[in-house]
Amino acid sequence: MEDTYTNDALVQFLYHEMSAVEAIEMAHAIEADEYLLSEFRSMQRAKSHLARVLFQPSSVSVNNILRYSAGTALEAGSHS
C-alpha cells in the first residue's frame, strides 16, 4: 500500500500536479531517500520516452458526443 501511495505521489510530483507545499516535501523526501531518488529518476527516464503527441478528436466524434449529450439532457428534463 505504501509503495502505491509513494508511486502515485512521485507521478504527481513528476507532472507538477501537487501543491507547492507537497512538492517541497516530496523534493526533500527524494533528496533524503536513495530508493525514492532511484524511482523518481526511473520515472523521469520513462517520461522522456513517451511520445509527445497531441491528440485531437475528429469533428465527427465531437459532434456525436455533443448530440448524445444534448439528447440525454432533454431526456433528463422531460422526467422532471
Protein backbone atom coordinates (compact mmCIF):
# COMPACT_ATOMS: atom_id res chain seq x y z
CA MET A 1 0.00 0.00 0.00
CA GLU A 2 2.80 2.37 0.90
CA ASP A 3 4.57 1.76 -2.44
CA THR A 4 1.40 2.56 -4.41
CA TYR A 5 0.91 5.78 -2.48
CA THR A 6 4.55 6.72 -2.95
CA ASN A 7 4.49 5.93 -6.67
CA ASP A 8 1.31 7.98 -7.10
CA ALA A 9 2.93 10.89 -5.28
CA LEU A 10 6.08 10.59 -7.40
CA VAL A 11 4.00 10.70 -10.59
CA GLN A 12 2.15 13.77 -9.30
CA PHE A 13 5.49 15.39 -8.48
CA LEU A 14 6.88 14.47 -11.91
CA TYR A 15 3.92 16.10 -13.67
CA HIS A 16 3.73 19.10 -11.29
CA GLU A 17 0.27 18.06 -10.08
CA MET A 18 0.62 18.74 -6.37
CA SER A 19 0.52 21.80 -4.19
CA ALA A 20 3.68 23.81 -3.59
CA VAL A 21 3.91 22.56 -0.01
CA GLU A 22 3.53 18.92 -1.11
CA ALA A 23 6.12 19.44 -3.85
CA ILE A 24 8.64 20.86 -1.36
CA GLU A 25 8.02 17.93 0.99
CA MET A 26 8.41 15.45 -1.87
CA ALA A 27 11.63 17.11 -3.06
CA HIS A 28 13.07 16.79 0.45
CA ALA A 29 11.94 13.16 0.67
CA ILE A 30 13.56 12.36 -2.68
CA GLU A 31 16.81 14.01 -1.61
CA ALA A 32 16.85 12.06 1.67
CA ASP A 33 15.93 8.62 0.33
CA GLU A 34 18.04 6.77 -2.25
CA TYR A 35 15.14 4.46 -3.14
CA LEU A 36 12.82 7.39 -3.87
CA LEU A 37 15.55 9.09 -5.87
CA SER A 38 16.09 5.94 -7.91
CA GLU A 39 12.35 5.53 -8.53
CA PHE A 40 11.98 9.20 -9.49
CA ARG A 41 14.88 9.04 -11.93
CA SER A 42 13.40 5.90 -13.45
CA MET A 43 10.08 7.69 -13.91
CA GLN A 44 11.84 10.68 -15.47
CA ARG A 45 13.55 8.39 -18.00
CA ALA A 46 10.26 6.65 -18.80
CA LYS A 47 8.51 10.00 -19.26
CA SER A 48 11.23 11.19 -21.64
CA HIS A 49 10.49 8.18 -23.89
CA LEU A 50 6.78 8.89 -24.13
CA ALA A 51 5.64 10.25 -27.46
CA ARG A 52 4.98 13.95 -27.46
CA VAL A 53 1.75 13.69 -29.38
CA LEU A 54 -1.24 15.93 -29.07
CA PHE A 55 -4.42 14.03 -29.70
CA GLN A 56 -7.36 15.81 -31.22
CA PRO A 57 -10.66 14.03 -31.83
CA SER A 58 -12.26 14.29 -35.23
CA SER A 59 -15.10 16.77 -35.62
CA VAL A 60 -17.42 13.81 -36.30
CA SER A 61 -16.58 12.37 -32.86
CA VAL A 62 -17.06 15.72 -31.14
CA ASN A 63 -20.41 16.24 -32.87
CA ASN A 64 -21.55 12.73 -31.89
CA ILE A 65 -20.70 13.40 -28.26
CA LEU A 66 -22.44 16.78 -28.29
CA ARG A 67 -25.51 15.29 -29.95
CA TYR A 68 -25.64 12.46 -27.39
CA SER A 69 -25.19 14.92 -24.53
CA ALA A 70 -27.96 17.16 -25.80
CA GLY A 71 -30.27 14.13 -26.16
CA THR A 72 -29.64 12.91 -22.62
CA ALA A 73 -30.12 16.43 -21.25
CA LEU A 74 -33.52 16.62 -22.97
CA GLU A 75 -34.48 13.19 -21.58
CA ALA A 76 -33.49 14.22 -18.06
CA GLY A 77 -35.52 17.42 -18.37
CA SER A 78 -38.64 15.55 -19.51
CA HIS A 79 -38.55 13.26 -16.45
CA SER A 80 -38.71 16.18 -14.01
